[in-house]
Amino acid sequence: MSEDKQKILAVYHRIDGAMVNKDTETLDDILDDNYVLVHITGYHQPKQEWLEQIDNEEMTYFKTMPQKTTITIDGNTAILICDTKIDARIYGFRNTWSMQMKMRFEKRGDNWYPVNAIATSN
């Protein structure tokens, strides 16, 4: 695996860990200021709203279970696609969701920053 792919995968794992640990400070540092998360429902959620919902436990993540990950790099952009399972309580409803996360990254200097993610059901 190339060094850039390793860096992207490490960022993705840091995001998963921060979600489970309710570490919104780390998420705020990692994610682009204009980051948008598109939920399975199709809702486009801005970064700050998502972080607030993690803080107030409207969204609580208990465990992430990545199954298969692919990373494609094209210049200073990359796409990470991860088939995963996420054990979470979202708006009071707890479930383990099977989903595919498609996260777009941009390279700035030597670092990769997630700019958006789209979750779809598997």
N, C-alpha and C. Protein backbone atom coordinates (compact mmCIF):
# COMPACT_ATOMS: atom_id res chain seq x y z
N MET A 1 0.85 -1.18 0.00
CA MET A 1 0.00 0.00 0.00
C MET A 1 0.89 1.24 0.00
N SER A 2 0.54 2.21 -0.84
CA SER A 2 1.34 3.43 -0.94
C SER A 2 1.25 4.24 0.36
N GLU A 3 2.20 5.15 0.52
CA GLU A 3 2.22 5.99 1.72
C GLU A 3 0.96 6.85 1.82
N ASP A 4 0.51 7.40 0.66
CA ASP A 4 -0.70 8.21 0.69
C ASP A 4 -1.92 7.39 1.08
N LYS A 5 -2.03 6.18 0.56
CA LYS A 5 -3.16 5.32 0.94
C LYS A 5 -3.11 4.98 2.42
N GLN A 6 -1.92 4.76 2.95
CA GLN A 6 -1.78 4.49 4.38
C GLN A 6 -2.24 5.70 5.21
N LYS A 7 -1.87 6.91 4.75
CA LYS A 7 -2.29 8.12 5.46
C LYS A 7 -3.81 8.28 5.45
N ILE A 8 -4.43 8.03 4.30
CA ILE A 8 -5.88 8.14 4.17
C ILE A 8 -6.57 7.13 5.08
N LEU A 9 -6.08 5.90 5.06
CA LEU A 9 -6.67 4.86 5.90
C LEU A 9 -6.52 5.21 7.39
N ALA A 10 -5.39 5.76 7.76
CA ALA A 10 -5.17 6.16 9.15
C ALA A 10 -6.15 7.26 9.56
N VAL A 11 -6.41 8.22 8.68
CA VAL A 11 -7.38 9.27 8.97
C VAL A 11 -8.76 8.65 9.16
N TYR A 12 -9.13 7.72 8.29
CA TYR A 12 -10.44 7.07 8.40
C TYR A 12 -10.57 6.34 9.74
N HIS A 13 -9.52 5.64 10.15
CA HIS A 13 -9.56 4.93 11.43
C HIS A 13 -9.63 5.91 12.61
N ARG A 14 -8.97 7.05 12.49
CA ARG A 14 -9.06 8.08 13.54
C ARG A 14 -10.48 8.61 13.65
N ILE A 15 -11.15 8.78 12.51
CA ILE A 15 -12.54 9.24 12.52
C ILE A 15 -13.42 8.22 13.22
N ASP A 16 -13.28 6.95 12.85
CA ASP A 16 -14.07 5.88 13.50
C ASP A 16 -13.84 5.89 15.02
N GLY A 17 -12.58 5.98 15.43
CA GLY A 17 -12.26 5.98 16.86
C GLY A 17 -12.84 7.19 17.57
N ALA A 18 -12.76 8.35 16.94
CA ALA A 18 -13.30 9.57 17.54
C ALA A 18 -14.82 9.50 17.65
N MET A 19 -15.48 8.91 16.67
CA MET A 19 -16.94 8.75 16.74
C MET A 19 -17.31 7.91 17.96
N VAL A 20 -16.65 6.78 18.13
CA VAL A 20 -16.96 5.86 19.23
C VAL A 20 -16.63 6.50 20.58
N ASN A 21 -15.57 7.27 20.62
CA ASN A 21 -15.14 7.90 21.87
C ASN A 21 -15.80 9.26 22.12
N LYS A 22 -16.73 9.64 21.25
CA LYS A 22 -17.43 10.92 21.38
C LYS A 22 -16.42 12.07 21.46
N ASP A 23 -15.36 11.96 20.66
CA ASP A 23 -14.27 12.94 20.65
C ASP A 23 -14.51 13.94 19.51
N THR A 24 -15.43 14.86 19.75
CA THR A 24 -15.78 15.81 18.69
C THR A 24 -14.67 16.82 18.43
N GLU A 25 -13.79 17.02 19.38
CA GLU A 25 -12.65 17.92 19.15
C GLU A 25 -11.74 17.34 18.07
N THR A 26 -11.45 16.03 18.16
CA THR A 26 -10.63 15.38 17.13
C THR A 26 -11.34 15.40 15.79
N LEU A 27 -12.63 15.10 15.78
CA LEU A 27 -13.39 15.13 14.53
C LEU A 27 -13.35 16.52 13.92
N ASP A 28 -13.49 17.54 14.74
CA ASP A 28 -13.46 18.91 14.25
C ASP A 28 -12.10 19.23 13.62
N ASP A 29 -11.02 18.73 14.21
CA ASP A 29 -9.68 18.95 13.68
C ASP A 29 -9.45 18.20 12.37
N ILE A 30 -9.95 16.98 12.28
CA ILE A 30 -9.69 16.11 11.12
C ILE A 30 -10.49 16.55 9.90
N LEU A 31 -11.77 16.84 10.11
CA LEU A 31 -12.69 17.08 9.00
C LEU A 31 -12.58 18.50 8.48
N ASP A 32 -12.69 18.64 7.17
CA ASP A 32 -12.69 19.95 6.52
C ASP A 32 -13.80 20.80 7.13
N ASP A 33 -13.60 22.11 7.20
CA ASP A 33 -14.60 23.01 7.79
C ASP A 33 -15.94 22.92 7.06
N ASN A 34 -15.92 22.65 5.77
CA ASN A 34 -17.16 22.56 4.98
C ASN A 34 -17.63 21.12 4.79
N TYR A 35 -17.11 20.21 5.60
CA TYR A 35 -17.47 18.79 5.53
C TYR A 35 -18.99 18.61 5.62
N VAL A 36 -19.50 17.72 4.79
CA VAL A 36 -20.92 17.37 4.81
C VAL A 36 -21.02 15.85 4.83
N LEU A 37 -21.87 15.34 5.73
CA LEU A 37 -22.15 13.91 5.82
C LEU A 37 -23.54 13.68 5.26
N VAL A 38 -23.63 12.86 4.21
CA VAL A 38 -24.92 12.50 3.63
C VAL A 38 -25.33 11.17 4.25
N HIS A 39 -26.41 11.20 5.03
CA HIS A 39 -26.88 10.01 5.73
C HIS A 39 -27.63 9.07 4.80
N ILE A 40 -27.86 7.85 5.27
CA ILE A 40 -28.62 6.86 4.51
C ILE A 40 -29.97 7.43 4.08
N THR A 41 -30.54 8.28 4.90
CA THR A 41 -31.84 8.89 4.62
C THR A 41 -31.78 9.91 3.48
N GLY A 42 -30.55 10.32 3.11
CA GLY A 42 -30.38 11.34 2.09
C GLY A 42 -30.15 12.73 2.68
N TYR A 43 -30.27 12.84 4.00
CA TYR A 43 -30.09 14.14 4.65
C TYR A 43 -28.63 14.58 4.56
N HIS A 44 -28.41 15.80 4.08
CA HIS A 44 -27.07 16.40 4.00
C HIS A 44 -26.82 17.17 5.29
N GLN A 45 -25.95 16.63 6.14
CA GLN A 45 -25.72 17.22 7.45
C GLN A 45 -24.37 17.93 7.50
N PRO A 46 -24.39 19.23 7.79
CA PRO A 46 -23.13 19.97 7.95
C PRO A 46 -22.34 19.45 9.15
N LYS A 47 -21.03 19.62 9.07
CA LYS A 47 -20.13 19.12 10.11
C LYS A 47 -20.54 19.57 11.51
N GLN A 48 -20.75 20.85 11.71
CA GLN A 48 -21.03 21.36 13.06
C GLN A 48 -22.31 20.78 13.64
N GLU A 49 -23.33 20.60 12.81
CA GLU A 49 -24.57 20.00 13.30
C GLU A 49 -24.33 18.55 13.73
N TRP A 50 -23.57 17.81 12.93
CA TRP A 50 -23.27 16.42 13.27
C TRP A 50 -22.49 16.35 14.59
N LEU A 51 -21.49 17.20 14.73
CA LEU A 51 -20.71 17.19 15.97
C LEU A 51 -21.57 17.55 17.18
N GLU A 52 -22.48 18.50 17.03
CA GLU A 52 -23.39 18.85 18.13
C GLU A 52 -24.27 17.66 18.51
N GLN A 53 -24.72 16.90 17.51
CA GLN A 53 -25.57 15.75 17.80
C GLN A 53 -24.80 14.61 18.45
N ILE A 54 -23.51 14.52 18.18
CA ILE A 54 -22.68 13.55 18.90
C ILE A 54 -22.50 14.02 20.34
N ASP A 55 -22.22 15.30 20.52
CA ASP A 55 -22.04 15.86 21.87
C ASP A 55 -23.28 15.68 22.74
N ASN A 56 -24.47 15.95 22.17
CA ASN A 56 -25.69 15.85 22.98
C ASN A 56 -26.33 14.46 22.94
N GLU A 57 -25.61 13.51 22.34
CA GLU A 57 -25.98 12.09 22.30
C GLU A 57 -27.25 11.79 21.52
N GLU A 58 -27.62 12.69 20.60
CA GLU A 58 -28.67 12.32 19.64
C GLU A 58 -28.14 11.23 18.73
N MET A 59 -26.82 11.23 18.53
CA MET A 59 -26.13 10.19 17.77
C MET A 59 -25.00 9.66 18.65
N THR A 60 -25.10 8.38 18.98
CA THR A 60 -24.09 7.72 19.81
C THR A 60 -23.58 6.50 19.06
N TYR A 61 -22.28 6.45 18.89
CA TYR A 61 -21.65 5.34 18.17
C TYR A 61 -20.97 4.43 19.18
N PHE A 62 -21.32 3.13 19.14
CA PHE A 62 -20.76 2.17 20.08
C PHE A 62 -19.60 1.38 19.49
N LYS A 63 -19.70 1.07 18.20
CA LYS A 63 -18.65 0.25 17.58
C LYS A 63 -18.75 0.40 16.06
N THR A 64 -17.57 0.49 15.42
CA THR A 64 -17.51 0.43 13.96
C THR A 64 -16.77 -0.84 13.58
N MET A 65 -17.25 -1.46 12.52
CA MET A 65 -16.68 -2.75 12.10
C MET A 65 -16.43 -2.74 10.60
N PRO A 66 -15.34 -2.08 10.17
CA PRO A 66 -15.02 -2.05 8.74
C PRO A 66 -14.83 -3.48 8.21
N GLN A 67 -15.41 -3.75 7.05
CA GLN A 67 -15.34 -5.08 6.45
C GLN A 67 -14.34 -5.11 5.27
N LYS A 68 -14.48 -4.13 4.39
CA LYS A 68 -13.64 -4.08 3.19
C LYS A 68 -13.45 -2.62 2.82
N THR A 69 -12.21 -2.23 2.54
CA THR A 69 -11.91 -0.84 2.22
C THR A 69 -11.08 -0.77 0.93
N THR A 70 -11.47 0.14 0.06
CA THR A 70 -10.68 0.42 -1.14
C THR A 70 -10.42 1.93 -1.19
N ILE A 71 -9.25 2.29 -1.69
CA ILE A 71 -8.86 3.70 -1.81
C ILE A 71 -8.35 3.93 -3.22
N THR A 72 -8.89 4.96 -3.86
CA THR A 72 -8.46 5.34 -5.21
C THR A 72 -7.98 6.78 -5.15
N ILE A 73 -6.76 7.00 -5.62
CA ILE A 73 -6.17 8.34 -5.60
C ILE A 73 -6.03 8.85 -7.03
N ASP A 74 -6.43 10.12 -7.22
CA ASP A 74 -6.29 10.78 -8.51
C ASP A 74 -5.73 12.18 -8.24
N GLY A 75 -4.40 12.31 -8.34
CA GLY A 75 -3.75 13.58 -8.05
C GLY A 75 -3.89 13.94 -6.58
N ASN A 76 -4.52 15.09 -6.31
CA ASN A 76 -4.69 15.55 -4.93
C ASN A 76 -6.08 15.27 -4.37
N THR A 77 -6.79 14.34 -5.01
CA THR A 77 -8.08 13.90 -4.48
C THR A 77 -8.06 12.39 -4.35
N ALA A 78 -8.87 11.90 -3.45
CA ALA A 78 -8.96 10.45 -3.24
C ALA A 78 -10.37 10.10 -2.81
N ILE A 79 -10.75 8.87 -3.11
CA ILE A 79 -12.03 8.33 -2.67
C ILE A 79 -11.74 7.06 -1.87
N LEU A 80 -12.24 7.03 -0.65
CA LEU A 80 -12.19 5.82 0.18
C LEU A 80 -13.60 5.25 0.21
N ILE A 81 -13.72 3.97 -0.10
CA ILE A 81 -15.00 3.28 -0.01
C ILE A 81 -14.83 2.15 0.99
N CYS A 82 -15.68 2.17 2.01
CA CYS A 82 -15.58 1.17 3.06
C CYS A 82 -16.95 0.53 3.29
N ASP A 83 -17.01 -0.79 3.09
CA ASP A 83 -18.18 -1.55 3.52
C ASP A 83 -17.99 -1.78 5.01
N THR A 84 -18.97 -1.36 5.80
CA THR A 84 -18.80 -1.38 7.23
C THR A 84 -20.12 -1.70 7.92
N LYS A 85 -20.01 -2.01 9.18
CA LYS A 85 -21.17 -2.15 10.05
C LYS A 85 -20.95 -1.18 11.20
N ILE A 86 -22.01 -0.48 11.58
CA ILE A 86 -21.89 0.50 12.66
C ILE A 86 -23.00 0.24 13.68
N ASP A 87 -22.57 -0.01 14.92
CA ASP A 87 -23.49 -0.16 16.04
C ASP A 87 -23.67 1.22 16.64
N ALA A 88 -24.90 1.76 16.52
CA ALA A 88 -25.14 3.13 16.96
C ALA A 88 -26.57 3.31 17.43
N ARG A 89 -26.75 4.35 18.22
CA ARG A 89 -28.09 4.79 18.60
C ARG A 89 -28.28 6.16 17.95
N ILE A 90 -29.21 6.22 17.01
CA ILE A 90 -29.47 7.43 16.25
C ILE A 90 -30.89 7.89 16.58
N TYR A 91 -30.98 9.07 17.18
CA TYR A 91 -32.28 9.63 17.58
C TYR A 91 -33.09 8.64 18.42
N GLY A 92 -32.39 7.94 19.33
CA GLY A 92 -33.06 7.04 20.27
C GLY A 92 -33.23 5.61 19.79
N PHE A 93 -32.91 5.32 18.55
CA PHE A 93 -33.08 3.98 18.00
C PHE A 93 -31.72 3.32 17.81
N ARG A 94 -31.48 2.21 18.52
CA ARG A 94 -30.19 1.53 18.41
C ARG A 94 -30.30 0.36 17.44
N ASN A 95 -29.28 0.23 16.60
CA ASN A 95 -29.23 -0.83 15.61
C ASN A 95 -27.78 -1.00 15.16
N THR A 96 -27.51 -2.10 14.50
CA THR A 96 -26.24 -2.26 13.79
C THR A 96 -26.57 -2.16 12.32
N TRP A 97 -26.09 -1.08 11.71
CA TRP A 97 -26.37 -0.83 10.31
C TRP A 97 -25.23 -1.34 9.44
N SER A 98 -25.59 -2.05 8.37
CA SER A 98 -24.62 -2.40 7.33
C SER A 98 -24.70 -1.30 6.29
N MET A 99 -23.56 -0.70 6.02
CA MET A 99 -23.57 0.42 5.08
C MET A 99 -22.26 0.49 4.32
N GLN A 100 -22.30 1.30 3.29
CA GLN A 100 -21.09 1.63 2.56
C GLN A 100 -20.84 3.12 2.76
N MET A 101 -19.64 3.44 3.22
CA MET A 101 -19.21 4.83 3.36
C MET A 101 -18.32 5.18 2.17
N LYS A 102 -18.67 6.24 1.49
CA LYS A 102 -17.83 6.74 0.40
C LYS A 102 -17.37 8.12 0.83
N MET A 103 -16.08 8.23 1.12
CA MET A 103 -15.53 9.47 1.67
C MET A 103 -14.54 10.06 0.67
N ARG A 104 -14.73 11.35 0.38
CA ARG A 104 -13.84 12.04 -0.54
C ARG A 104 -12.83 12.86 0.27
N PHE A 105 -11.57 12.74 -0.13
CA PHE A 105 -10.45 13.42 0.53
C PHE A 105 -9.78 14.39 -0.43
N GLU A 106 -9.20 15.45 0.13
CA GLU A 106 -8.33 16.35 -0.63
C GLU A 106 -6.99 16.41 0.09
N LYS A 107 -5.93 16.42 -0.72
CA LYS A 107 -4.58 16.52 -0.16
C LYS A 107 -4.15 17.97 -0.12
N ARG A 108 -3.69 18.39 1.06
CA ARG A 108 -3.17 19.74 1.25
C ARG A 108 -1.82 19.60 1.92
N GLY A 109 -0.77 19.96 1.19
CA GLY A 109 0.58 19.71 1.70
C GLY A 109 0.79 18.20 1.73
N ASP A 110 1.17 17.68 2.89
CA ASP A 110 1.39 16.24 3.02
C ASP A 110 0.20 15.51 3.64
N ASN A 111 -0.87 16.27 3.97
CA ASN A 111 -1.98 15.67 4.70
C ASN A 111 -3.23 15.55 3.85
N TRP A 112 -4.05 14.56 4.20
CA TRP A 112 -5.31 14.30 3.53
C TRP A 112 -6.46 14.68 4.44
N TYR A 113 -7.43 15.42 3.89
CA TYR A 113 -8.57 15.90 4.67
C TYR A 113 -9.88 15.41 4.05
N PRO A 114 -10.74 14.80 4.86
CA PRO A 114 -12.06 14.41 4.36
C PRO A 114 -12.92 15.64 4.13
N VAL A 115 -13.52 15.73 2.94
CA VAL A 115 -14.36 16.89 2.62
C VAL A 115 -15.84 16.53 2.59
N ASN A 116 -16.16 15.25 2.36
CA ASN A 116 -17.54 14.81 2.48
C ASN A 116 -17.59 13.29 2.56
N ALA A 117 -18.74 12.80 2.98
CA ALA A 117 -18.96 11.36 3.05
C ALA A 117 -20.41 11.08 2.72
N ILE A 118 -20.62 9.98 2.03
CA ILE A 118 -21.96 9.56 1.68
C ILE A 118 -22.16 8.14 2.21
N ALA A 119 -23.18 7.98 3.05
CA ALA A 119 -23.51 6.65 3.59
C ALA A 119 -24.70 6.10 2.83
N THR A 120 -24.54 4.87 2.34
CA THR A 120 -25.65 4.18 1.68
C THR A 120 -25.80 2.81 2.32
N SER A 121 -27.01 2.28 2.28
CA SER A 121 -27.23 0.97 2.88
C SER A 121 -26.64 -0.12 2.00
N ASN A 122 -26.16 -1.17 2.65
CA ASN A 122 -25.59 -2.32 1.95
C ASN A 122 -26.64 -3.40 1.80
